Amino acid sequence: MDGEKPKVFIGYFTAADGAIRCVAVKSVNRTEAASSLFRNSIRLMAKIYEKFEKEQRKHLVEIIDTGYTIPHMKGIVIMEMGDESLHQRLKSGRPPAFGENDSDLMSAIENMAQPLVEFHEIAIHMDVNPRNYLYVSENGHLLLKLIDFEGSQLLRGNLDKNECVPIGEHAFTPEYTGPEYYGEHGGREISTKFDIWSVGIIVFEILLGHLRAEQREGPMKEDDLKAKLFAIGNLFLGFTRNNPFGSPGELKNLPIDYSKREWFEQNINAMETVLQLWQKFPKTALLVTVMAREIL
């Protein structure tokens, strides 16, 4: 049926040399397969393989093949099999896997940043979130890799690391959306800073997992987590956003009026989380704050 959501299956792939490997097979419905988003992802994957040797893209998921089924014309992406996503790890209820101090958390940030260093040579991802980071076993080690390139925006390839490109058709997750999206009019432009902002929000998500584990509480409910991350983002942005549960909203909503008591009462939980980050992980808090200021 055309309305069905993308699905991922486990399959086996036989290479030209006869080697058989276990793979993940992503299937999208006919409507999505015909969309510019899916076609864009195939074009981007081709450019990645054209531009980079394997060692230069080792933190980007390996795409083995793409195409369409016959006669139903569903879109198919065959990729390397991962162990689990960062989202699954954070939601597992296990003790946080990122250590208990600044050094460990900074290492986790470095692991999330490395795939972006590679990806930003060619495009802006636009949907950096825990679901799109995948742990993959390689030679006895787990590598954190970036996946799902459907909404990515290709860079023009000049030498300016702050290059901005117009936002084309895109797909992203509202609570991780960078401030560049909230322009004053249509035809907004974004840079690689968009993805860096998303990493900062993931850091707060990791912190929330630490705090709940310390209090022997399970993972937050999905809607509660979205609302909390949205509120934390608003504090750094200085304005509220339209809707944390659907579209990110095309414009800024309301500036936060710090002269009124209401802003404090409405944002007390988010502020407590930010202050706890400073208390428990001061170096990480400084890094995230500097990142936010540079982006804004």
C-alpha atoms as a PDB file:
ATOM      1  CA  MET A   1       0.000   0.000   0.000  1.00  0.00           C
ATOM      2  CA  ASP A   2       1.227   3.517  -0.834  1.00  0.00           C
ATOM      3  CA  GLY A   3       0.558   4.819   2.676  1.00  0.00           C
ATOM      4  CA  GLU A   4       2.864   2.382   4.429  1.00  0.00           C
ATOM      5  CA  LYS A   5       5.914   3.681   6.260  1.00  0.00           C
ATOM      6  CA  PRO A   6       9.494   2.755   5.286  1.00  0.00           C
ATOM      7  CA  LYS A   7      10.487  -0.682   6.554  1.00  0.00           C
ATOM      8  CA  VAL A   8      13.862  -2.280   7.170  1.00  0.00           C
ATOM      9  CA  PHE A   9      14.401  -6.011   6.651  1.00  0.00           C
ATOM     10  CA  ILE A  10      17.340  -8.344   7.211  1.00  0.00           C
ATOM     11  CA  GLY A  11      18.633  -9.982   4.058  1.00  0.00           C
ATOM     12  CA  TYR A  12      21.635 -11.727   2.531  1.00  0.00           C
ATOM     13  CA  PHE A  13      23.716 -10.334  -0.292  1.00  0.00           C
ATOM     14  CA  THR A  14      25.995 -12.350  -2.558  1.00  0.00           C
ATOM     15  CA  ALA A  15      28.940 -10.346  -3.874  1.00  0.00           C
ATOM     16  CA  ALA A  16      30.602 -10.845  -7.252  1.00  0.00           C
ATOM     17  CA  ASP A  17      33.303 -12.979  -5.611  1.00  0.00           C
ATOM     18  CA  GLY A  18      30.674 -15.288  -4.104  1.00  0.00           C
ATOM     19  CA  ALA A  19      30.990 -13.939  -0.562  1.00  0.00           C
ATOM     20  CA  ILE A  20      27.691 -13.810   1.325  1.00  0.00           C
ATOM     21  CA  ARG A  21      27.012 -11.129   3.918  1.00  0.00           C
ATOM     22  CA  CYS A  22      24.084 -10.170   6.118  1.00  0.00           C
ATOM     23  CA  VAL A  23      22.653  -6.783   5.110  1.00  0.00           C
ATOM     24  CA  ALA A  24      19.854  -4.364   5.958  1.00  0.00           C
ATOM     25  CA  VAL A  25      17.267  -3.742   3.228  1.00  0.00           C
ATOM     26  CA  LYS A  26      15.259  -0.525   3.469  1.00  0.00           C
ATOM     27  CA  SER A  27      11.988  -0.490   1.520  1.00  0.00           C
ATOM     28  CA  VAL A  28       9.920   2.644   0.825  1.00  0.00           C
ATOM     29  CA  ASN A  29       6.487   2.780  -0.777  1.00  0.00           C
ATOM     30  CA  ARG A  30       5.931   3.680  -4.433  1.00  0.00           C
ATOM     31  CA  THR A  31       4.978   7.285  -3.680  1.00  0.00           C
ATOM     32  CA  GLU A  32       8.112   7.934  -1.624  1.00  0.00           C
ATOM     33  CA  ALA A  33      10.259   6.055  -4.137  1.00  0.00           C
ATOM     34  CA  ALA A  34       9.074   8.464  -6.841  1.00  0.00           C
ATOM     35  CA  SER A  35       9.755  11.527  -4.684  1.00  0.00           C
ATOM     36  CA  SER A  36      12.664  13.892  -5.139  1.00  0.00           C
ATOM     37  CA  LEU A  37      13.814  13.020  -1.601  1.00  0.00           C
ATOM     38  CA  PHE A  38      14.492   9.394  -2.532  1.00  0.00           C
ATOM     39  CA  ARG A  39      16.075  10.333  -5.846  1.00  0.00           C
ATOM     40  CA  ASN A  40      18.213  12.894  -4.025  1.00  0.00           C
ATOM     41  CA  SER A  41      19.448  10.249  -1.583  1.00  0.00           C
ATOM     42  CA  ILE A  42      20.517   7.963  -4.454  1.00  0.00           C
ATOM     43  CA  ARG A  43      22.301  10.846  -6.189  1.00  0.00           C
ATOM     44  CA  LEU A  44      24.063  11.815  -2.971  1.00  0.00           C
ATOM     45  CA  MET A  45      25.207   8.253  -2.294  1.00  0.00           C
ATOM     46  CA  ALA A  46      26.682   8.106  -5.790  1.00  0.00           C
ATOM     47  CA  LYS A  47      28.572  11.363  -5.199  1.00  0.00           C
ATOM     48  CA  ILE A  48      29.949  10.074  -1.890  1.00  0.00           C
ATOM     49  CA  TYR A  49      31.336   6.954  -3.575  1.00  0.00           C
ATOM     50  CA  GLU A  50      32.654   9.012  -6.472  1.00  0.00           C
ATOM     51  CA  LYS A  51      34.441  11.526  -4.239  1.00  0.00           C
ATOM     52  CA  PHE A  52      35.768   9.399  -1.372  1.00  0.00           C
ATOM     53  CA  GLU A  53      37.844   6.282  -1.005  1.00  0.00           C
ATOM     54  CA  LYS A  54      36.514   3.831   1.591  1.00  0.00           C
ATOM     55  CA  GLU A  55      38.924   5.044   4.287  1.00  0.00           C
ATOM     56  CA  GLN A  56      37.669   8.611   3.796  1.00  0.00           C
ATOM     57  CA  ARG A  57      34.040   7.634   4.392  1.00  0.00           C
ATOM     58  CA  LYS A  58      34.410   4.973   7.066  1.00  0.00           C
ATOM     59  CA  HIS A  59      31.964   6.790   9.376  1.00  0.00           C
ATOM     60  CA  LEU A  60      29.231   6.916   6.717  1.00  0.00           C
ATOM     61  CA  VAL A  61      27.053   3.833   6.336  1.00  0.00           C
ATOM     62  CA  GLU A  62      28.103   1.607   3.429  1.00  0.00           C
ATOM     63  CA  ILE A  63      25.474   1.534   0.692  1.00  0.00           C
ATOM     64  CA  ILE A  64      25.723  -1.693  -1.314  1.00  0.00           C
ATOM     65  CA  ASP A  65      23.015  -1.084  -3.906  1.00  0.00           C
ATOM     66  CA  THR A  66      19.860   0.935  -4.625  1.00  0.00           C
ATOM     67  CA  GLY A  67      16.985   0.496  -7.028  1.00  0.00           C
ATOM     68  CA  TYR A  68      13.297  -0.290  -7.489  1.00  0.00           C
ATOM     69  CA  THR A  69      11.202  -3.447  -7.231  1.00  0.00           C
ATOM     70  CA  ILE A  70       9.245  -4.759 -10.223  1.00  0.00           C
ATOM     71  CA  PRO A  71       6.314  -4.433 -10.800  1.00  0.00           C
ATOM     72  CA  HIS A  72       5.397  -2.407  -7.693  1.00  0.00           C
ATOM     73  CA  MET A  73       8.221   0.148  -8.052  1.00  0.00           C
ATOM     74  CA  LYS A  74       9.027   0.351  -4.364  1.00  0.00           C
ATOM     75  CA  GLY A  75      12.340   1.981  -3.560  1.00  0.00           C
ATOM     76  CA  ILE A  76      15.073  -0.281  -2.182  1.00  0.00           C
ATOM     77  CA  VAL A  77      18.323   0.595  -0.421  1.00  0.00           C
ATOM     78  CA  ILE A  78      20.667  -2.262   0.537  1.00  0.00           C
ATOM     79  CA  MET A  79      23.176  -1.254   3.205  1.00  0.00           C
ATOM     80  CA  GLU A  80      25.533  -2.775   5.725  1.00  0.00           C
ATOM     81  CA  MET A  81      23.970  -4.262   8.833  1.00  0.00           C
ATOM     82  CA  GLY A  82      24.336  -2.328  12.077  1.00  0.00           C
ATOM     83  CA  ASP A  83      24.195  -3.487  15.688  1.00  0.00           C
ATOM     84  CA  GLU A  84      21.890  -0.786  17.062  1.00  0.00           C
ATOM     85  CA  SER A  85      21.146   2.900  16.632  1.00  0.00           C
ATOM     86  CA  LEU A  86      22.177   5.562  19.105  1.00  0.00           C
ATOM     87  CA  HIS A  87      18.448   6.031  19.766  1.00  0.00           C
ATOM     88  CA  GLN A  88      18.077   2.363  20.714  1.00  0.00           C
ATOM     89  CA  ARG A  89      21.055   2.615  23.025  1.00  0.00           C
ATOM     90  CA  LEU A  90      19.682   5.693  24.766  1.00  0.00           C
ATOM     91  CA  LYS A  91      16.219   4.127  25.099  1.00  0.00           C
ATOM     92  CA  SER A  92      17.421   0.711  26.243  1.00  0.00           C
ATOM     93  CA  GLY A  93      17.249   1.506  29.935  1.00  0.00           C
ATOM     94  CA  ARG A  94      20.805   0.254  30.402  1.00  0.00           C
ATOM     95  CA  PRO A  95      23.198   2.490  32.336  1.00  0.00           C
ATOM     96  CA  PRO A  96      24.452   5.289  30.073  1.00  0.00           C
ATOM     97  CA  ALA A  97      27.168   4.028  27.774  1.00  0.00           C
ATOM     98  CA  PHE A  98      29.100   7.281  27.703  1.00  0.00           C
ATOM     99  CA  GLY A  99      30.901   7.231  31.051  1.00  0.00           C
ATOM    100  CA  GLU A 100      30.428   9.393  34.083  1.00  0.00           C
ATOM    101  CA  ASN A 101      32.699  12.392  33.543  1.00  0.00           C
ATOM    102  CA  ASP A 102      33.567  15.214  31.182  1.00  0.00           C
ATOM    103  CA  SER A 103      36.268  13.238  29.423  1.00  0.00           C
ATOM    104  CA  ASP A 104      33.898  10.396  28.515  1.00  0.00           C
ATOM    105  CA  LEU A 105      31.150  12.741  27.362  1.00  0.00           C
ATOM    106  CA  MET A 106      33.602  14.764  25.267  1.00  0.00           C
ATOM    107  CA  SER A 107      34.693  11.487  23.666  1.00  0.00           C
ATOM    108  CA  ALA A 108      31.049  10.734  22.824  1.00  0.00           C
ATOM    109  CA  ILE A 109      30.746  14.157  21.167  1.00  0.00           C
ATOM    110  CA  GLU A 110      33.887  13.458  19.150  1.00  0.00           C
ATOM    111  CA  ASN A 111      32.382  10.151  17.986  1.00  0.00           C
ATOM    112  CA  MET A 112      29.234  11.963  16.823  1.00  0.00           C
ATOM    113  CA  ALA A 113      31.252  14.700  15.135  1.00  0.00           C
ATOM    114  CA  GLN A 114      33.536  12.428  13.097  1.00  0.00           C
ATOM    115  CA  PRO A 115      30.830  11.281  10.640  1.00  0.00           C
ATOM    116  CA  LEU A 116      29.891  14.932  10.100  1.00  0.00           C
ATOM    117  CA  VAL A 117      33.499  15.870   9.345  1.00  0.00           C
ATOM    118  CA  GLU A 118      33.343  13.392   6.464  1.00  0.00           C
ATOM    119  CA  PHE A 119      29.802  14.214   5.365  1.00  0.00           C
ATOM    120  CA  HIS A 120      30.321  17.985   5.393  1.00  0.00           C
ATOM    121  CA  GLU A 121      32.871  17.611   2.625  1.00  0.00           C
ATOM    122  CA  ILE A 122      29.930  17.136   0.288  1.00  0.00           C
ATOM    123  CA  ALA A 123      26.573  17.928   1.957  1.00  0.00           C
ATOM    124  CA  ILE A 124      24.551  19.092   4.967  1.00  0.00           C
ATOM    125  CA  HIS A 125      22.645  16.181   6.517  1.00  0.00           C
ATOM    126  CA  MET A 126      19.717  18.186   8.015  1.00  0.00           C
ATOM    127  CA  ASP A 127      18.364  15.291  10.105  1.00  0.00           C
ATOM    128  CA  VAL A 128      21.104  14.558  12.621  1.00  0.00           C
ATOM    129  CA  ASN A 129      19.403  12.773  15.507  1.00  0.00           C
ATOM    130  CA  PRO A 130      20.006   9.567  17.500  1.00  0.00           C
ATOM    131  CA  ARG A 131      17.969   7.449  15.061  1.00  0.00           C
ATOM    132  CA  ASN A 132      20.341   8.383  12.252  1.00  0.00           C
ATOM    133  CA  TYR A 133      23.497   7.286  14.055  1.00  0.00           C
ATOM    134  CA  LEU A 134      24.187   3.564  13.722  1.00  0.00           C
ATOM    135  CA  TYR A 135      26.705   1.413  15.594  1.00  0.00           C
ATOM    136  CA  VAL A 136      28.420  -0.969  13.176  1.00  0.00           C
ATOM    137  CA  SER A 137      30.865  -3.749  14.131  1.00  0.00           C
ATOM    138  CA  GLU A 138      34.136  -3.633  12.209  1.00  0.00           C
ATOM    139  CA  ASN A 139      37.184  -5.732  13.080  1.00  0.00           C
ATOM    140  CA  GLY A 140      36.064  -6.182  16.662  1.00  0.00           C
ATOM    141  CA  HIS A 141      35.290  -2.497  17.205  1.00  0.00           C
ATOM    142  CA  LEU A 142      32.062  -0.501  17.141  1.00  0.00           C
ATOM    143  CA  LEU A 143      32.051   2.479  14.780  1.00  0.00           C
ATOM    144  CA  LEU A 144      29.355   5.139  14.984  1.00  0.00           C
ATOM    145  CA  LYS A 145      28.121   5.850  11.459  1.00  0.00           C
ATOM    146  CA  LEU A 146      25.733   8.350   9.910  1.00  0.00           C
ATOM    147  CA  ILE A 147      22.743   7.024   7.939  1.00  0.00           C
ATOM    148  CA  ASP A 148      19.637   8.256   6.031  1.00  0.00           C
ATOM    149  CA  PHE A 149      20.581  10.965   3.544  1.00  0.00           C
ATOM    150  CA  GLU A 150      17.130  11.605   2.015  1.00  0.00           C
ATOM    151  CA  GLY A 151      16.783  15.250   3.099  1.00  0.00           C
ATOM    152  CA  SER A 152      20.446  16.208   2.765  1.00  0.00           C
ATOM    153  CA  GLN A 153      21.430  19.374   0.905  1.00  0.00           C
ATOM    154  CA  LEU A 154      24.428  19.190  -1.424  1.00  0.00           C
ATOM    155  CA  LEU A 155      27.131  21.815  -0.993  1.00  0.00           C
ATOM    156  CA  ARG A 156      28.461  23.619  -4.031  1.00  0.00           C
ATOM    157  CA  GLY A 157      31.987  22.452  -3.270  1.00  0.00           C
ATOM    158  CA  ASN A 158      33.786  25.765  -2.790  1.00  0.00           C
ATOM    159  CA  LEU A 159      36.478  26.259  -0.160  1.00  0.00           C
ATOM    160  CA  ASP A 160      34.301  28.282   2.241  1.00  0.00           C
ATOM    161  CA  LYS A 161      33.615  26.098   5.289  1.00  0.00           C
ATOM    162  CA  ASN A 162      30.685  28.410   6.184  1.00  0.00           C
ATOM    163  CA  GLU A 163      29.100  28.039   2.753  1.00  0.00           C
ATOM    164  CA  CYS A 164      25.323  28.503   2.780  1.00  0.00           C
ATOM    165  CA  VAL A 165      22.931  26.756   0.406  1.00  0.00           C
ATOM    166  CA  PRO A 166      19.184  27.260  -0.144  1.00  0.00           C
ATOM    167  CA  ILE A 167      16.938  24.784   1.622  1.00  0.00           C
ATOM    168  CA  GLY A 168      15.416  22.477  -0.959  1.00  0.00           C
ATOM    169  CA  GLU A 169      12.982  19.651  -0.247  1.00  0.00           C
ATOM    170  CA  HIS A 170      14.014  18.234   3.076  1.00  0.00           C
ATOM    171  CA  ALA A 171      13.163  15.899   5.941  1.00  0.00           C
ATOM    172  CA  PHE A 172      14.147  16.494   9.539  1.00  0.00           C
ATOM    173  CA  THR A 173      13.145  16.036  13.178  1.00  0.00           C
ATOM    174  CA  PRO A 174      11.719  19.189  14.832  1.00  0.00           C
ATOM    175  CA  GLU A 175      13.390  19.033  18.238  1.00  0.00           C
ATOM    176  CA  TYR A 176      16.877  18.843  16.676  1.00  0.00           C
ATOM    177  CA  THR A 177      16.276  21.586  14.079  1.00  0.00           C
ATOM    178  CA  GLY A 178      19.013  24.217  13.810  1.00  0.00           C
ATOM    179  CA  PRO A 179      18.282  27.953  14.189  1.00  0.00           C
ATOM    180  CA  GLU A 180      19.095  28.700  10.550  1.00  0.00           C
ATOM    181  CA  TYR A 181      15.772  27.120   9.599  1.00  0.00           C
ATOM    182  CA  TYR A 182      13.782  29.861  11.327  1.00  0.00           C
ATOM    183  CA  GLY A 183      14.302  32.697   8.847  1.00  0.00           C
ATOM    184  CA  GLU A 184      12.153  35.739   8.326  1.00  0.00           C
ATOM    185  CA  HIS A 185      10.936  34.637   4.880  1.00  0.00           C
ATOM    186  CA  GLY A 186      10.937  31.742   2.435  1.00  0.00           C
ATOM    187  CA  GLY A 187      14.035  30.623   0.566  1.00  0.00           C
ATOM    188  CA  ARG A 188      16.097  30.257   3.719  1.00  0.00           C
ATOM    189  CA  GLU A 189      19.712  29.235   3.537  1.00  0.00           C
ATOM    190  CA  ILE A 190      21.594  26.873   5.823  1.00  0.00           C
ATOM    191  CA  SER A 191      25.201  25.895   6.472  1.00  0.00           C
ATOM    192  CA  THR A 192      26.910  22.959   8.158  1.00  0.00           C
ATOM    193  CA  LYS A 193      26.169  24.735  11.454  1.00  0.00           C
ATOM    194  CA  PHE A 194      22.663  23.302  11.119  1.00  0.00           C
ATOM    195  CA  ASP A 195      24.000  19.798  11.849  1.00  0.00           C
ATOM    196  CA  ILE A 196      26.344  20.988  14.601  1.00  0.00           C
ATOM    197  CA  TRP A 197      23.398  22.467  16.491  1.00  0.00           C
ATOM    198  CA  SER A 198      21.671  19.068  16.324  1.00  0.00           C
ATOM    199  CA  VAL A 199      24.689  17.407  17.964  1.00  0.00           C
ATOM    200  CA  GLY A 200      24.411  19.907  20.827  1.00  0.00           C
ATOM    201  CA  ILE A 201      20.784  18.910  21.399  1.00  0.00           C
ATOM    202  CA  ILE A 202      21.786  15.223  21.403  1.00  0.00           C
ATOM    203  CA  VAL A 203      24.295  16.041  24.166  1.00  0.00           C
ATOM    204  CA  PHE A 204      21.398  17.235  26.329  1.00  0.00           C
ATOM    205  CA  GLU A 205      19.516  14.041  25.508  1.00  0.00           C
ATOM    206  CA  ILE A 206      22.497  12.004  26.697  1.00  0.00           C
ATOM    207  CA  LEU A 207      22.613  14.099  29.873  1.00  0.00           C
ATOM    208  CA  LEU A 208      18.931  13.419  30.535  1.00  0.00           C
ATOM    209  CA  GLY A 209      19.695   9.703  30.274  1.00  0.00           C
ATOM    210  CA  HIS A 210      22.502  10.095  32.827  1.00  0.00           C
ATOM    211  CA  LEU A 211      20.259  11.944  35.263  1.00  0.00           C
ATOM    212  CA  ARG A 212      17.417   9.448  35.013  1.00  0.00           C
ATOM    213  CA  ALA A 213      19.806   6.507  35.450  1.00  0.00           C
ATOM    214  CA  GLU A 214      21.216   8.141  38.587  1.00  0.00           C
ATOM    215  CA  GLN A 215      17.679   8.465  39.918  1.00  0.00           C
ATOM    216  CA  ARG A 216      16.962   4.867  38.848  1.00  0.00           C
ATOM    217  CA  GLU A 217      14.254   5.984  36.477  1.00  0.00           C
ATOM    218  CA  GLY A 218      13.591   4.544  33.050  1.00  0.00           C
ATOM    219  CA  PRO A 219      13.818   6.467  29.775  1.00  0.00           C
ATOM    220  CA  MET A 220      11.461   9.417  29.299  1.00  0.00           C
ATOM    221  CA  LYS A 221       8.289   8.965  27.287  1.00  0.00           C
ATOM    222  CA  GLU A 222       8.772  10.041  23.677  1.00  0.00           C
ATOM    223  CA  ASP A 223       6.485  13.095  23.829  1.00  0.00           C
ATOM    224  CA  ASP A 224       7.980  14.236  27.152  1.00  0.00           C
ATOM    225  CA  LEU A 225      11.493  13.976  25.729  1.00  0.00           C
ATOM    226  CA  LYS A 226      10.520  15.937  22.602  1.00  0.00           C
ATOM    227  CA  ALA A 227       8.977  18.704  24.701  1.00  0.00           C
ATOM    228  CA  LYS A 228      12.030  18.883  26.997  1.00  0.00           C
ATOM    229  CA  LEU A 229      14.518  19.076  24.118  1.00  0.00           C
ATOM    230  CA  PHE A 230      12.340  21.679  22.387  1.00  0.00           C
ATOM    231  CA  ALA A 231      12.293  23.805  25.563  1.00  0.00           C
ATOM    232  CA  ILE A 232      16.074  23.554  26.001  1.00  0.00           C
ATOM    233  CA  GLY A 233      16.557  24.609  22.390  1.00  0.00           C
ATOM    234  CA  ASN A 234      14.245  27.585  22.909  1.00  0.00           C
ATOM    235  CA  LEU A 235      16.368  28.805  25.828  1.00  0.00           C
ATOM    236  CA  PHE A 236      19.429  29.034  23.604  1.00  0.00           C
ATOM    237  CA  LEU A 237      17.485  30.425  20.639  1.00  0.00           C
ATOM    238  CA  GLY A 238      15.776  33.172  22.637  1.00  0.00           C
ATOM    239  CA  PHE A 239      12.384  32.501  21.059  1.00  0.00           C
ATOM    240  CA  THR A 240       9.692  29.850  21.166  1.00  0.00           C
ATOM    241  CA  ARG A 241       8.837  27.685  18.176  1.00  0.00           C
ATOM    242  CA  ASN A 242       5.493  26.751  16.735  1.00  0.00           C
ATOM    243  CA  ASN A 243       5.020  23.058  17.297  1.00  0.00           C
ATOM    244  CA  PRO A 244       7.235  20.377  18.861  1.00  0.00           C
ATOM    245  CA  PHE A 245       5.029  17.515  17.667  1.00  0.00           C
ATOM    246  CA  GLY A 246       4.593  18.148  13.948  1.00  0.00           C
ATOM    247  CA  SER A 247       6.184  20.530  11.483  1.00  0.00           C
ATOM    248  CA  PRO A 248       8.903  22.693  13.056  1.00  0.00           C
ATOM    249  CA  GLY A 249       6.932  25.744  11.905  1.00  0.00           C
ATOM    250  CA  GLU A 250       8.076  28.046   9.168  1.00  0.00           C
ATOM    251  CA  LEU A 251       8.839  31.110  11.278  1.00  0.00           C
ATOM    252  CA  LYS A 252       9.906  32.179  14.697  1.00  0.00           C
ATOM    253  CA  ASN A 253       6.920  32.246  17.005  1.00  0.00           C
ATOM    254  CA  LEU A 254       7.362  34.576  19.969  1.00  0.00           C
ATOM    255  CA  PRO A 255      10.549  36.123  21.390  1.00  0.00           C
ATOM    256  CA  ILE A 256      11.080  35.159  25.016  1.00  0.00           C
ATOM    257  CA  ASP A 257      10.323  38.233  27.140  1.00  0.00           C
ATOM    258  CA  TYR A 258      12.829  37.922  29.979  1.00  0.00           C
ATOM    259  CA  SER A 259      11.291  40.904  31.816  1.00  0.00           C
ATOM    260  CA  LYS A 260       8.181  38.896  32.612  1.00  0.00           C
ATOM    261  CA  ARG A 261       7.931  36.318  35.356  1.00  0.00           C
ATOM    262  CA  GLU A 262       6.071  33.910  33.089  1.00  0.00           C
ATOM    263  CA  TRP A 263       9.173  33.036  31.054  1.00  0.00           C
ATOM    264  CA  PHE A 264      10.895  31.787  34.214  1.00  0.00           C
ATOM    265  CA  GLU A 265       7.936  29.686  35.319  1.00  0.00           C
ATOM    266  CA  GLN A 266       7.446  28.224  31.852  1.00  0.00           C
ATOM    267  CA  ASN A 267      11.104  27.312  31.404  1.00  0.00           C
ATOM    268  CA  ILE A 268      12.173  26.280  34.909  1.00  0.00           C
ATOM    269  CA  ASN A 269      12.515  22.562  34.031  1.00  0.00           C
ATOM    270  CA  ALA A 270      14.651  23.279  30.986  1.00  0.00           C
ATOM    271  CA  MET A 271      16.858  25.657  32.985  1.00  0.00           C
ATOM    272  CA  GLU A 272      17.350  23.047  35.703  1.00  0.00           C
ATOM    273  CA  THR A 273      18.584  20.575  33.087  1.00  0.00           C
ATOM    274  CA  VAL A 274      21.044  23.110  31.650  1.00  0.00           C
ATOM    275  CA  LEU A 275      22.326  23.974  35.135  1.00  0.00           C
ATOM    276  CA  GLN A 276      22.796  20.281  35.938  1.00  0.00           C
ATOM    277  CA  LEU A 277      24.909  19.950  32.807  1.00  0.00           C
ATOM    278  CA  TRP A 278      27.126  22.785  34.065  1.00  0.00           C
ATOM    279  CA  GLN A 279      27.335  21.201  37.514  1.00  0.00           C
ATOM    280  CA  LYS A 280      28.147  17.643  36.402  1.00  0.00           C
ATOM    281  CA  PHE A 281      30.012  18.264  33.140  1.00  0.00           C
ATOM    282  CA  PRO A 282      31.434  21.827  33.181  1.00  0.00           C
ATOM    283  CA  LYS A 283      33.826  21.350  30.247  1.00  0.00           C
ATOM    284  CA  THR A 284      31.100  19.831  28.107  1.00  0.00           C
ATOM    285  CA  ALA A 285      28.680  22.596  29.127  1.00  0.00           C
ATOM    286  CA  LEU A 286      31.216  25.222  28.083  1.00  0.00           C
ATOM    287  CA  LEU A 287      31.732  23.493  24.726  1.00  0.00           C
ATOM    288  CA  VAL A 288      27.982  23.258  24.018  1.00  0.00           C
ATOM    289  CA  THR A 289      27.442  26.895  25.026  1.00  0.00           C
ATOM    290  CA  VAL A 290      30.278  28.117  22.792  1.00  0.00           C
ATOM    291  CA  MET A 291      28.882  26.005  19.932  1.00  0.00           C
ATOM    292  CA  ALA A 292      25.454  27.588  20.390  1.00  0.00           C
ATOM    293  CA  ARG A 293      26.840  31.132  20.516  1.00  0.00           C
ATOM    294  CA  GLU A 294      28.911  30.576  17.373  1.00  0.00           C
ATOM    295  CA  ILE A 295      25.890  29.236  15.514  1.00  0.00           C
ATOM    296  CA  LEU A 296      23.574  32.010  16.644  1.00  0.00           C
END
